[in-house]
Amino acid sequence: MSETEVKIDWRAVGIVATAADLVAGNRSTQHGDKVENHQYIAALWTAYLGVTITADQVALMMVLLKVARTKTGALNRDDFVDMAGYAGVAGEIMGRFNGLHSSHADGAAQDQTKVRTP
């Protein structure tokens, strides 16, 4: 491997860590708050399709879009990174809408379960 080549981590932990870096990084500067952004997308998809789409469904459908992309074209690590990122965003949206978005003082997320509410 040359000095200019970067070793790409295909391990699950590497893919998830990359997704976490992207989700927690400067994306909010570029795209705004992720929950608010997905709510806007949901409103546009709802108007276009004529059926109600929720913000968490937007994130989950983006996971499905990335899954579909794995069926065609060349193997692309970014598809898996994006799947992990969108799955995390869907979970955060559901947590926020169900009042579970708070964290303990040490930064560990609370382990709570609540029924999905659209």
PDB file of N, CA and C in Angstrom:
ATOM      1  N   MET A   1       0.853  -1.177   0.000  1.00  0.00           N
ATOM      2  CA  MET A   1       0.000   0.000   0.000  1.00  0.00           C
ATOM      3  C   MET A   1       0.897   1.237   0.000  1.00  0.00           C
ATOM      4  N   SER A   2       0.605   2.197  -0.886  1.00  0.00           N
ATOM      5  CA  SER A   2       1.419   3.407  -0.970  1.00  0.00           C
ATOM      6  C   SER A   2       1.079   4.361   0.175  1.00  0.00           C
ATOM      7  N   GLU A   3       1.912   5.376   0.350  1.00  0.00           N
ATOM      8  CA  GLU A   3       1.688   6.353   1.416  1.00  0.00           C
ATOM      9  C   GLU A   3       0.403   7.132   1.218  1.00  0.00           C
ATOM     10  N   THR A   4      -0.058   7.267  -0.021  1.00  0.00           N
ATOM     11  CA  THR A   4      -1.265   8.044  -0.293  1.00  0.00           C
ATOM     12  C   THR A   4      -2.542   7.226  -0.139  1.00  0.00           C
ATOM     13  N   GLU A   5      -2.424   5.910  -0.074  1.00  0.00           N
ATOM     14  CA  GLU A   5      -3.592   5.058   0.097  1.00  0.00           C
ATOM     15  C   GLU A   5      -4.033   5.059   1.555  1.00  0.00           C
ATOM     16  N   VAL A   6      -5.333   5.017   1.752  1.00  0.00           N
ATOM     17  CA  VAL A   6      -5.891   4.948   3.097  1.00  0.00           C
ATOM     18  C   VAL A   6      -6.539   3.586   3.257  1.00  0.00           C
ATOM     19  N   LYS A   7      -6.222   2.908   4.331  1.00  0.00           N
ATOM     20  CA  LYS A   7      -6.833   1.607   4.591  1.00  0.00           C
ATOM     21  C   LYS A   7      -8.268   1.844   5.065  1.00  0.00           C
ATOM     22  N   ILE A   8      -9.210   1.233   4.381  1.00  0.00           N
ATOM     23  CA  ILE A   8     -10.625   1.410   4.698  1.00  0.00           C
ATOM     24  C   ILE A   8     -11.064   0.275   5.609  1.00  0.00           C
ATOM     25  N   ASP A   9     -11.707   0.647   6.697  1.00  0.00           N
ATOM     26  CA  ASP A   9     -12.151  -0.314   7.705  1.00  0.00           C
ATOM     27  C   ASP A   9     -13.536  -0.843   7.339  1.00  0.00           C
ATOM     28  N   TRP A  10     -13.588  -2.111   6.928  1.00  0.00           N
ATOM     29  CA  TRP A  10     -14.843  -2.762   6.577  1.00  0.00           C
ATOM     30  C   TRP A  10     -15.461  -3.509   7.758  1.00  0.00           C
ATOM     31  N   ARG A  11     -14.819  -3.462   8.928  1.00  0.00           N
ATOM     32  CA  ARG A  11     -15.415  -4.121  10.089  1.00  0.00           C
ATOM     33  C   ARG A  11     -16.677  -3.358  10.507  1.00  0.00           C
ATOM     34  N   ALA A  12     -17.618  -4.061  11.126  1.00  0.00           N
ATOM     35  CA  ALA A  12     -18.864  -3.419  11.561  1.00  0.00           C
ATOM     36  C   ALA A  12     -18.584  -2.209  12.432  1.00  0.00           C
ATOM     37  N   VAL A  13     -17.644  -2.350  13.360  1.00  0.00           N
ATOM     38  CA  VAL A  13     -17.337  -1.241  14.259  1.00  0.00           C
ATOM     39  C   VAL A  13     -16.805  -0.041  13.484  1.00  0.00           C
ATOM     40  N   GLY A  14     -16.048  -0.275  12.417  1.00  0.00           N
ATOM     41  CA  GLY A  14     -15.540   0.819  11.602  1.00  0.00           C
ATOM     42  C   GLY A  14     -16.639   1.520  10.820  1.00  0.00           C
ATOM     43  N   ILE A  15     -17.557   0.740  10.277  1.00  0.00           N
ATOM     44  CA  ILE A  15     -18.683   1.307   9.525  1.00  0.00           C
ATOM     45  C   ILE A  15     -19.574   2.126  10.452  1.00  0.00           C
ATOM     46  N   VAL A  16     -19.902   1.572  11.607  1.00  0.00           N
ATOM     47  CA  VAL A  16     -20.771   2.273  12.556  1.00  0.00           C
ATOM     48  C   VAL A  16     -20.079   3.517  13.112  1.00  0.00           C
ATOM     49  N   ALA A  17     -18.778   3.428  13.374  1.00  0.00           N
ATOM     50  CA  ALA A  17     -18.042   4.586  13.889  1.00  0.00           C
ATOM     51  C   ALA A  17     -18.023   5.712  12.858  1.00  0.00           C
ATOM     52  N   THR A  18     -17.844   5.369  11.600  1.00  0.00           N
ATOM     53  CA  THR A  18     -17.874   6.384  10.545  1.00  0.00           C
ATOM     54  C   THR A  18     -19.250   7.036  10.489  1.00  0.00           C
ATOM     55  N   ALA A  19     -20.299   6.220  10.564  1.00  0.00           N
ATOM     56  CA  ALA A  19     -21.666   6.759  10.554  1.00  0.00           C
ATOM     57  C   ALA A  19     -21.883   7.685  11.749  1.00  0.00           C
ATOM     58  N   ALA A  20     -21.414   7.278  12.915  1.00  0.00           N
ATOM     59  CA  ALA A  20     -21.576   8.103  14.113  1.00  0.00           C
ATOM     60  C   ALA A  20     -20.857   9.439  13.958  1.00  0.00           C
ATOM     61  N   ASP A  21     -19.663   9.400  13.398  1.00  0.00           N
ATOM     62  CA  ASP A  21     -18.917  10.647  13.163  1.00  0.00           C
ATOM     63  C   ASP A  21     -19.687  11.574  12.235  1.00  0.00           C
ATOM     64  N   LEU A  22     -20.295  11.017  11.193  1.00  0.00           N
ATOM     65  CA  LEU A  22     -21.048  11.829  10.243  1.00  0.00           C
ATOM     66  C   LEU A  22     -22.318  12.390  10.863  1.00  0.00           C
ATOM     67  N   VAL A  23     -23.053  11.549  11.579  1.00  0.00           N
ATOM     68  CA  VAL A  23     -24.318  11.971  12.178  1.00  0.00           C
ATOM     69  C   VAL A  23     -24.089  13.027  13.263  1.00  0.00           C
ATOM     70  N   ALA A  24     -23.009  12.869  14.026  1.00  0.00           N
ATOM     71  CA  ALA A  24     -22.726  13.796  15.120  1.00  0.00           C
ATOM     72  C   ALA A  24     -21.887  14.992  14.671  1.00  0.00           C
ATOM     73  N   GLY A  25     -21.402  14.954  13.438  1.00  0.00           N
ATOM     74  CA  GLY A  25     -20.495  15.994  12.955  1.00  0.00           C
ATOM     75  C   GLY A  25     -21.197  17.243  12.485  1.00  0.00           C
ATOM     76  N   ASN A  26     -20.626  17.868  11.482  1.00  0.00           N
ATOM     77  CA  ASN A  26     -21.113  19.174  11.033  1.00  0.00           C
ATOM     78  C   ASN A  26     -22.299  19.094  10.076  1.00  0.00           C
ATOM     79  N   ARG A  27     -22.949  17.963  10.000  1.00  0.00           N
ATOM     80  CA  ARG A  27     -24.114  17.845   9.117  1.00  0.00           C
ATOM     81  C   ARG A  27     -25.200  18.856   9.480  1.00  0.00           C
ATOM     82  N   SER A  28     -25.336  19.171  10.769  1.00  0.00           N
ATOM     83  CA  SER A  28     -26.369  20.135  11.164  1.00  0.00           C
ATOM     84  C   SER A  28     -26.059  21.526  10.616  1.00  0.00           C
ATOM     85  N   THR A  29     -24.771  21.843  10.468  1.00  0.00           N
ATOM     86  CA  THR A  29     -24.389  23.118   9.867  1.00  0.00           C
ATOM     87  C   THR A  29     -24.762  23.121   8.392  1.00  0.00           C
ATOM     88  N   GLN A  30     -24.541  21.989   7.745  1.00  0.00           N
ATOM     89  CA  GLN A  30     -24.803  21.879   6.313  1.00  0.00           C
ATOM     90  C   GLN A  30     -26.290  21.718   6.007  1.00  0.00           C
ATOM     91  N   HIS A  31     -27.002  20.866   6.791  1.00  0.00           N
ATOM     92  CA  HIS A  31     -28.382  20.508   6.466  1.00  0.00           C
ATOM     93  C   HIS A  31     -29.406  20.944   7.514  1.00  0.00           C
ATOM     94  N   GLY A  32     -28.982  21.485   8.628  1.00  0.00           N
ATOM     95  CA  GLY A  32     -29.907  21.841   9.707  1.00  0.00           C
ATOM     96  C   GLY A  32     -30.151  20.656  10.628  1.00  0.00           C
ATOM     97  N   ASP A  33     -30.984  20.859  11.633  1.00  0.00           N
ATOM     98  CA  ASP A  33     -31.315  19.808  12.600  1.00  0.00           C
ATOM     99  C   ASP A  33     -31.871  18.587  11.872  1.00  0.00           C
ATOM    100  N   LYS A  34     -31.340  17.409  12.189  1.00  0.00           N
ATOM    101  CA  LYS A  34     -31.724  16.199  11.458  1.00  0.00           C
ATOM    102  C   LYS A  34     -33.196  15.852  11.617  1.00  0.00           C
ATOM    103  N   VAL A  35     -33.756  16.074  12.804  1.00  0.00           N
ATOM    104  CA  VAL A  35     -35.171  15.763  13.004  1.00  0.00           C
ATOM    105  C   VAL A  35     -36.033  16.738  12.210  1.00  0.00           C
ATOM    106  N   GLU A  36     -35.732  18.016  12.322  1.00  0.00           N
ATOM    107  CA  GLU A  36     -36.485  19.027  11.579  1.00  0.00           C
ATOM    108  C   GLU A  36     -36.371  18.786  10.069  1.00  0.00           C
ATOM    109  N   ASN A  37     -35.188  18.444   9.596  1.00  0.00           N
ATOM    110  CA  ASN A  37     -34.971  18.157   8.183  1.00  0.00           C
ATOM    111  C   ASN A  37     -35.845  16.998   7.721  1.00  0.00           C
ATOM    112  N   HIS A  38     -35.894  15.932   8.524  1.00  0.00           N
ATOM    113  CA  HIS A  38     -36.713  14.771   8.157  1.00  0.00           C
ATOM    114  C   HIS A  38     -38.200  15.100   8.238  1.00  0.00           C
ATOM    115  N   GLN A  39     -38.595  16.025   9.113  1.00  0.00           N
ATOM    116  CA  GLN A  39     -39.992  16.461   9.157  1.00  0.00           C
ATOM    117  C   GLN A  39     -40.357  17.219   7.875  1.00  0.00           C
ATOM    118  N   TYR A  40     -39.459  18.058   7.394  1.00  0.00           N
ATOM    119  CA  TYR A  40     -39.704  18.772   6.139  1.00  0.00           C
ATOM    120  C   TYR A  40     -39.799  17.793   4.970  1.00  0.00           C
ATOM    121  N   ILE A  41     -38.899  16.829   4.928  1.00  0.00           N
ATOM    122  CA  ILE A  41     -38.949  15.820   3.869  1.00  0.00           C
ATOM    123  C   ILE A  41     -40.269  15.059   3.944  1.00  0.00           C
ATOM    124  N   ALA A  42     -40.683  14.686   5.154  1.00  0.00           N
ATOM    125  CA  ALA A  42     -41.944  13.963   5.338  1.00  0.00           C
ATOM    126  C   ALA A  42     -43.122  14.787   4.826  1.00  0.00           C
ATOM    127  N   ALA A  43     -43.120  16.078   5.104  1.00  0.00           N
ATOM    128  CA  ALA A  43     -44.214  16.947   4.640  1.00  0.00           C
ATOM    129  C   ALA A  43     -44.251  17.003   3.113  1.00  0.00           C
ATOM    130  N   LEU A  44     -43.075  17.088   2.488  1.00  0.00           N
ATOM    131  CA  LEU A  44     -43.022  17.121   1.025  1.00  0.00           C
ATOM    132  C   LEU A  44     -43.463  15.793   0.419  1.00  0.00           C
ATOM    133  N   TRP A  45     -42.987  14.680   0.988  1.00  0.00           N
ATOM    134  CA  TRP A  45     -43.383  13.367   0.482  1.00  0.00           C
ATOM    135  C   TRP A  45     -44.872  13.143   0.695  1.00  0.00           C
ATOM    136  N   THR A  46     -45.399  13.606   1.829  1.00  0.00           N
ATOM    137  CA  THR A  46     -46.833  13.477   2.111  1.00  0.00           C
ATOM    138  C   THR A  46     -47.646  14.221   1.056  1.00  0.00           C
ATOM    139  N   ALA A  47     -47.251  15.466   0.757  1.00  0.00           N
ATOM    140  CA  ALA A  47     -47.966  16.261  -0.243  1.00  0.00           C
ATOM    141  C   ALA A  47     -47.880  15.608  -1.618  1.00  0.00           C
ATOM    142  N   TYR A  48     -46.710  15.114  -1.969  1.00  0.00           N
ATOM    143  CA  TYR A  48     -46.505  14.523  -3.291  1.00  0.00           C
ATOM    144  C   TYR A  48     -47.256  13.205  -3.450  1.00  0.00           C
ATOM    145  N   LEU A  49     -47.184  12.351  -2.423  1.00  0.00           N
ATOM    146  CA  LEU A  49     -47.778  11.012  -2.512  1.00  0.00           C
ATOM    147  C   LEU A  49     -49.258  10.971  -2.138  1.00  0.00           C
ATOM    148  N   GLY A  50     -49.706  11.952  -1.376  1.00  0.00           N
ATOM    149  CA  GLY A  50     -51.103  11.960  -0.940  1.00  0.00           C
ATOM    150  C   GLY A  50     -51.378  10.992   0.198  1.00  0.00           C
ATOM    151  N   VAL A  51     -50.329  10.509   0.861  1.00  0.00           N
ATOM    152  CA  VAL A  51     -50.452   9.662   2.046  1.00  0.00           C
ATOM    153  C   VAL A  51     -49.528  10.233   3.120  1.00  0.00           C
ATOM    154  N   THR A  52     -49.892  10.039   4.362  1.00  0.00           N
ATOM    155  CA  THR A  52     -49.099  10.592   5.446  1.00  0.00           C
ATOM    156  C   THR A  52     -47.788   9.825   5.614  1.00  0.00           C
ATOM    157  N   ILE A  53     -46.693  10.561   5.586  1.00  0.00           N
ATOM    158  CA  ILE A  53     -45.355  10.023   5.821  1.00  0.00           C
ATOM    159  C   ILE A  53     -44.802  10.748   7.040  1.00  0.00           C
ATOM    160  N   THR A  54     -44.205  10.011   7.967  1.00  0.00           N
ATOM    161  CA  THR A  54     -43.642  10.619   9.170  1.00  0.00           C
ATOM    162  C   THR A  54     -42.123  10.743   9.039  1.00  0.00           C
ATOM    163  N   ALA A  55     -41.539  11.563   9.882  1.00  0.00           N
ATOM    164  CA  ALA A  55     -40.098  11.809   9.832  1.00  0.00           C
ATOM    165  C   ALA A  55     -39.293  10.522  10.021  1.00  0.00           C
ATOM    166  N   ASP A  56     -39.720   9.662  10.939  1.00  0.00           N
ATOM    167  CA  ASP A  56     -38.995   8.405  11.144  1.00  0.00           C
ATOM    168  C   ASP A  56     -39.131   7.491   9.937  1.00  0.00           C
ATOM    169  N   GLN A  57     -40.273   7.531   9.264  1.00  0.00           N
ATOM    170  CA  GLN A  57     -40.445   6.729   8.057  1.00  0.00           C
ATOM    171  C   GLN A  57     -39.517   7.209   6.938  1.00  0.00           C
ATOM    172  N   VAL A  58     -39.286   8.528   6.874  1.00  0.00           N
ATOM    173  CA  VAL A  58     -38.334   9.054   5.896  1.00  0.00           C
ATOM    174  C   VAL A  58     -36.971   8.410   6.115  1.00  0.00           C
ATOM    175  N   ALA A  59     -36.489   8.432   7.364  1.00  0.00           N
ATOM    176  CA  ALA A  59     -35.172   7.863   7.663  1.00  0.00           C
ATOM    177  C   ALA A  59     -35.137   6.374   7.349  1.00  0.00           C
ATOM    178  N   LEU A  60     -36.189   5.652   7.693  1.00  0.00           N
ATOM    179  CA  LEU A  60     -36.230   4.213   7.414  1.00  0.00           C
ATOM    180  C   LEU A  60     -36.289   3.932   5.915  1.00  0.00           C
ATOM    181  N   MET A  61     -37.006   4.776   5.169  1.00  0.00           N
ATOM    182  CA  MET A  61     -37.043   4.583   3.720  1.00  0.00           C
ATOM    183  C   MET A  61     -35.697   4.912   3.085  1.00  0.00           C
ATOM    184  N   MET A  62     -34.944   5.818   3.705  1.00  0.00           N
ATOM    185  CA  MET A  62     -33.594   6.090   3.209  1.00  0.00           C
ATOM    186  C   MET A  62     -32.685   4.884   3.451  1.00  0.00           C
ATOM    187  N   VAL A  63     -32.907   4.169   4.565  1.00  0.00           N
ATOM    188  CA  VAL A  63     -32.172   2.915   4.782  1.00  0.00           C
ATOM    189  C   VAL A  63     -32.497   1.952   3.643  1.00  0.00           C
ATOM    190  N   LEU A  64     -33.782   1.847   3.302  1.00  0.00           N
ATOM    191  CA  LEU A  64     -34.191   0.933   2.230  1.00  0.00           C
ATOM    192  C   LEU A  64     -33.607   1.356   0.884  1.00  0.00           C
ATOM    193  N   LEU A  65     -33.510   2.660   0.637  1.00  0.00           N
ATOM    194  CA  LEU A  65     -32.872   3.137  -0.585  1.00  0.00           C
ATOM    195  C   LEU A  65     -31.430   2.659  -0.644  1.00  0.00           C
ATOM    196  N   LYS A  66     -30.724   2.755   0.478  1.00  0.00           N
ATOM    197  CA  LYS A  66     -29.328   2.315   0.518  1.00  0.00           C
ATOM    198  C   LYS A  66     -29.227   0.801   0.359  1.00  0.00           C
ATOM    199  N   VAL A  67     -30.181   0.057   0.906  1.00  0.00           N
ATOM    200  CA  VAL A  67     -30.207  -1.397   0.716  1.00  0.00           C
ATOM    201  C   VAL A  67     -30.379  -1.704  -0.771  1.00  0.00           C
ATOM    202  N   ALA A  68     -31.288  -0.986  -1.432  1.00  0.00           N
ATOM    203  CA  ALA A  68     -31.509  -1.213  -2.863  1.00  0.00           C
ATOM    204  C   ALA A  68     -30.243  -0.945  -3.663  1.00  0.00           C
ATOM    205  N   ARG A  69     -29.480   0.046  -3.252  1.00  0.00           N
ATOM    206  CA  ARG A  69     -28.251   0.368  -3.972  1.00  0.00           C
ATOM    207  C   ARG A  69     -27.201  -0.730  -3.867  1.00  0.00           C
ATOM    208  N   THR A  70     -27.290  -1.555  -2.826  1.00  0.00           N
ATOM    209  CA  THR A  70     -26.321  -2.657  -2.705  1.00  0.00           C
ATOM    210  C   THR A  70     -26.596  -3.749  -3.733  1.00  0.00           C
ATOM    211  N   LYS A  71     -27.774  -3.730  -4.351  1.00  0.00           N
ATOM    212  CA  LYS A  71     -28.151  -4.760  -5.321  1.00  0.00           C
ATOM    213  C   LYS A  71     -27.600  -4.479  -6.708  1.00  0.00           C
ATOM    214  N   THR A  72     -27.183  -3.233  -6.965  1.00  0.00           N
ATOM    215  CA  THR A  72     -26.674  -2.875  -8.286  1.00  0.00           C
ATOM    216  C   THR A  72     -25.346  -2.138  -8.132  1.00  0.00           C
ATOM    217  N   GLY A  73     -24.594  -2.101  -9.178  1.00  0.00           N
ATOM    218  CA  GLY A  73     -23.346  -1.349  -9.153  1.00  0.00           C
ATOM    219  C   GLY A  73     -22.251  -2.036  -8.353  1.00  0.00           C
ATOM    220  N   ALA A  74     -21.177  -1.301  -8.149  1.00  0.00           N
ATOM    221  CA  ALA A  74     -20.010  -1.828  -7.447  1.00  0.00           C
ATOM    222  C   ALA A  74     -20.216  -1.782  -5.937  1.00  0.00           C
ATOM    223  N   LEU A  75     -19.485  -2.626  -5.249  1.00  0.00           N
ATOM    224  CA  LEU A  75     -19.496  -2.636  -3.789  1.00  0.00           C
ATOM    225  C   LEU A  75     -19.039  -1.271  -3.290  1.00  0.00           C
ATOM    226  N   ASN A  76     -19.819  -0.675  -2.392  1.00  0.00           N
ATOM    227  CA  ASN A  76     -19.550   0.678  -1.930  1.00  0.00           C
ATOM    228  C   ASN A  76     -19.756   0.759  -0.417  1.00  0.00           C
ATOM    229  N   ARG A  77     -18.695   0.963   0.321  1.00  0.00           N
ATOM    230  CA  ARG A  77     -18.765   1.047   1.786  1.00  0.00           C
ATOM    231  C   ARG A  77     -19.714   2.145   2.242  1.00  0.00           C
ATOM    232  N   ASP A  78     -19.776   3.238   1.498  1.00  0.00           N
ATOM    233  CA  ASP A  78     -20.634   4.360   1.881  1.00  0.00           C
ATOM    234  C   ASP A  78     -22.104   3.957   2.001  1.00  0.00           C
ATOM    235  N   ASP A  79     -22.547   2.998   1.192  1.00  0.00           N
ATOM    236  CA  ASP A  79     -23.936   2.536   1.322  1.00  0.00           C
ATOM    237  C   ASP A  79     -24.187   1.985   2.722  1.00  0.00           C
ATOM    238  N   PHE A  80     -23.234   1.234   3.250  1.00  0.00           N
ATOM    239  CA  PHE A  80     -23.391   0.637   4.579  1.00  0.00           C
ATOM    240  C   PHE A  80     -23.252   1.688   5.681  1.00  0.00           C
ATOM    241  N   VAL A  81     -22.355   2.632   5.478  1.00  0.00           N
ATOM    242  CA  VAL A  81     -22.212   3.743   6.427  1.00  0.00           C
ATOM    243  C   VAL A  81     -23.516   4.530   6.476  1.00  0.00           C
ATOM    244  N   ASP A  82     -24.068   4.835   5.308  1.00  0.00           N
ATOM    245  CA  ASP A  82     -25.316   5.601   5.261  1.00  0.00           C
ATOM    246  C   ASP A  82     -26.484   4.837   5.878  1.00  0.00           C
ATOM    247  N   MET A  83     -26.536   3.505   5.649  1.00  0.00           N
ATOM    248  CA  MET A  83     -27.591   2.698   6.284  1.00  0.00           C
ATOM    249  C   MET A  83     -27.532   2.839   7.797  1.00  0.00           C
ATOM    250  N   ALA A  84     -26.332   2.693   8.343  1.00  0.00           N
ATOM    251  CA  ALA A  84     -26.156   2.798   9.792  1.00  0.00           C
ATOM    252  C   ALA A  84     -26.532   4.191  10.278  1.00  0.00           C
ATOM    253  N   GLY A  85     -26.139   5.201   9.528  1.00  0.00           N
ATOM    254  CA  GLY A  85     -26.455   6.575   9.909  1.00  0.00           C
ATOM    255  C   GLY A  85     -27.953   6.841   9.896  1.00  0.00           C
ATOM    256  N   TYR A  86     -28.624   6.437   8.824  1.00  0.00           N
ATOM    257  CA  TYR A  86     -30.070   6.650   8.740  1.00  0.00           C
ATOM    258  C   TYR A  86     -30.821   5.840   9.797  1.00  0.00           C
ATOM    259  N   ALA A  87     -30.356   4.633  10.102  1.00  0.00           N
ATOM    260  CA  ALA A  87     -30.985   3.845  11.169  1.00  0.00           C
ATOM    261  C   ALA A  87     -30.851   4.573  12.503  1.00  0.00           C
ATOM    262  N   GLY A  88     -29.685   5.150  12.753  1.00  0.00           N
ATOM    263  CA  GLY A  88     -29.484   5.927  13.973  1.00  0.00           C
ATOM    264  C   GLY A  88     -30.380   7.147  14.020  1.00  0.00           C
ATOM    265  N   VAL A  89     -30.518   7.831  12.887  1.00  0.00           N
ATOM    266  CA  VAL A  89     -31.393   9.004  12.827  1.00  0.00           C
ATOM    267  C   VAL A  89     -32.844   8.592  13.084  1.00  0.00           C
ATOM    268  N   ALA A  90     -33.285   7.473  12.500  1.00  0.00           N
ATOM    269  CA  ALA A  90     -34.652   6.992  12.738  1.00  0.00           C
ATOM    270  C   ALA A  90     -34.870   6.728  14.220  1.00  0.00           C
ATOM    271  N   GLY A  91     -33.898   6.092  14.863  1.00  0.00           N
ATOM    272  CA  GLY A  91     -34.010   5.840  16.298  1.00  0.00           C
ATOM    273  C   GLY A  91     -34.052   7.123  17.104  1.00  0.00           C
ATOM    274  N   GLU A  92     -33.219   8.094  16.725  1.00  0.00           N
ATOM    275  CA  GLU A  92     -33.220   9.380  17.436  1.00  0.00           C
ATOM    276  C   GLU A  92     -34.555  10.106  17.270  1.00  0.00           C
ATOM    277  N   ILE A  93     -35.095  10.081  16.069  1.00  0.00           N
ATOM    278  CA  ILE A  93     -36.400  10.709  15.831  1.00  0.00           C
ATOM    279  C   ILE A  93     -37.463  10.057  16.696  1.00  0.00           C
ATOM    280  N   MET A  94     -37.502   8.722  16.694  1.00  0.00           N
ATOM    281  CA  MET A  94     -38.497   8.016  17.510  1.00  0.00           C
ATOM    282  C   MET A  94     -38.296   8.311  18.993  1.00  0.00           C
ATOM    283  N   GLY A  95     -37.047   8.340  19.422  1.00  0.00           N
ATOM    284  CA  GLY A  95     -36.763   8.673  20.818  1.00  0.00           C
ATOM    285  C   GLY A  95     -37.222  10.066  21.175  1.00  0.00           C
ATOM    286  N   ARG A  96     -36.953  11.012  20.286  1.00  0.00           N
ATOM    287  CA  ARG A  96     -37.341  12.399  20.557  1.00  0.00           C
ATOM    288  C   ARG A  96     -38.858  12.538  20.608  1.00  0.00           C
ATOM    289  N   PHE A  97     -39.560  11.907  19.656  1.00  0.00           N
ATOM    290  CA  PHE A  97     -41.015  12.008  19.610  1.00  0.00           C
ATOM    291  C   PHE A  97     -41.691  11.255  20.745  1.00  0.00           C
ATOM    292  N   ASN A  98     -40.988  10.322  21.351  1.00  0.00           N
ATOM    293  CA  ASN A  98     -41.544   9.560  22.469  1.00  0.00           C
ATOM    294  C   ASN A  98     -40.988  10.017  23.812  1.00  0.00           C
ATOM    295  N   GLY A  99     -40.335  11.167  23.851  1.00  0.00           N
ATOM    296  CA  GLY A  99     -39.829  11.731  25.094  1.00  0.00           C
ATOM    297  C   GLY A  99     -38.660  10.980  25.685  1.00  0.00           C
ATOM    298  N   LEU A 100     -37.890  10.270  24.863  1.00  0.00           N
ATOM    299  CA  LEU A 100     -36.783   9.448  25.350  1.00  0.00           C
ATOM    300  C   LEU A 100     -35.430  10.005  24.935  1.00  0.00           C
ATOM    301  N   HIS A 101     -35.371  11.239  24.510  1.00  0.00           N
ATOM    302  CA  HIS A 101     -34.152  11.813  23.950  1.00  0.00           C
ATOM    303  C   HIS A 101     -33.158  12.269  25.005  1.00  0.00           C
ATOM    304  N   SER A 102     -33.540  12.301  26.268  1.00  0.00           N
ATOM    305  CA  SER A 102     -32.627  12.784  27.304  1.00  0.00           C
ATOM    306  C   SER A 102     -31.520  11.771  27.568  1.00  0.00           C
ATOM    307  N   SER A 103     -30.421  12.268  28.150  1.00  0.00           N
ATOM    308  CA  SER A 103     -29.282  11.426  28.487  1.00  0.00           C
ATOM    309  C   SER A 103     -28.946  11.605  29.951  1.00  0.00           C
ATOM    310  N   HIS A 104     -28.271  10.602  30.509  1.00  0.00           N
ATOM    311  CA  HIS A 104     -27.758  10.719  31.861  1.00  0.00           C
ATOM    312  C   HIS A 104     -26.617  11.724  31.874  1.00  0.00           C
ATOM    313  N   ALA A 105     -26.248  12.211  33.044  1.00  0.00           N
ATOM    314  CA  ALA A 105     -25.169  13.183  33.177  1.00  0.00           C
ATOM    315  C   ALA A 105     -23.858  12.661  32.606  1.00  0.00           C
ATOM    316  N   ASP A 106     -23.632  11.345  32.667  1.00  0.00           N
ATOM    317  CA  ASP A 106     -22.381  10.781  32.154  1.00  0.00           C
ATOM    318  C   ASP A 106     -22.408  10.576  30.634  1.00  0.00           C
ATOM    319  N   GLY A 107     -23.514  10.977  29.998  1.00  0.00           N
ATOM    320  CA  GLY A 107     -23.604  10.874  28.548  1.00  0.00           C
ATOM    321  C   GLY A 107     -24.202   9.577  28.053  1.00  0.00           C
ATOM    322  N   ALA A 108     -24.429   8.604  28.935  1.00  0.00           N
ATOM    323  CA  ALA A 108     -25.014   7.336  28.514  1.00  0.00           C
ATOM    324  C   ALA A 108     -26.507   7.523  28.274  1.00  0.00           C
ATOM    325  N   ALA A 109     -26.979   7.019  27.146  1.00  0.00           N
ATOM    326  CA  ALA A 109     -28.392   7.146  26.822  1.00  0.00           C
ATOM    327  C   ALA A 109     -29.222   6.295  27.775  1.00  0.00           C
ATOM    328  N   GLN A 110     -30.421   6.781  28.075  1.00  0.00           N
ATOM    329  CA  GLN A 110     -31.320   6.005  28.922  1.00  0.00           C
ATOM    330  C   GLN A 110     -31.870   4.832  28.134  1.00  0.00           C
ATOM    331  N   ASP A 111     -32.045   3.698  28.799  1.00  0.00           N
ATOM    332  CA  ASP A 111     -32.588   2.509  28.161  1.00  0.00           C
ATOM    333  C   ASP A 111     -34.072   2.451  28.482  1.00  0.00           C
ATOM    334  N   GLN A 112     -34.890   2.953  27.563  1.00  0.00           N
ATOM    335  CA  GLN A 112     -36.331   2.976  27.756  1.00  0.00           C
ATOM    336  C   GLN A 112     -36.986   2.503  26.470  1.00  0.00           C
ATOM    337  N   THR A 113     -38.171   1.945  26.604  1.00  0.00           N
ATOM    338  CA  THR A 113     -38.916   1.495  25.440  1.00  0.00           C
ATOM    339  C   THR A 113     -40.308   2.073  25.518  1.00  0.00           C
ATOM    340  N   LYS A 114     -40.811   2.557  24.410  1.00  0.00           N
ATOM    341  CA  LYS A 114     -42.150   3.106  24.347  1.00  0.00           C
ATOM    342  C   LYS A 114     -42.734   2.758  22.978  1.00  0.00           C
ATOM    343  N   VAL A 115     -44.015   2.620  22.923  1.00  0.00           N
ATOM    344  CA  VAL A 115     -44.695   2.252  21.685  1.00  0.00           C
ATOM    345  C   VAL A 115     -44.579   3.393  20.672  1.00  0.00           C
ATOM    346  N   ARG A 116     -44.404   3.034  19.421  1.00  0.00           N
ATOM    347  CA  ARG A 116     -44.291   4.033  18.348  1.00  0.00           C
ATOM    348  C   ARG A 116     -45.593   4.814  18.218  1.00  0.00           C
ATOM    349  N   THR A 117     -45.432   6.135  18.105  1.00  0.00           N
ATOM    350  CA  THR A 117     -46.575   6.987  17.839  1.00  0.00           C
ATOM    351  C   THR A 117     -46.268   7.808  16.606  1.00  0.00           C
ATOM    352  N   PRO A 118     -47.099   7.691  15.580  1.00  0.00           N
ATOM    353  CA  PRO A 118     -46.830   8.416  14.319  1.00  0.00           C
ATOM    354  C   PRO A 118     -46.969   9.910  14.477  1.00  0.00           C
TER     355      PRO A 118
END
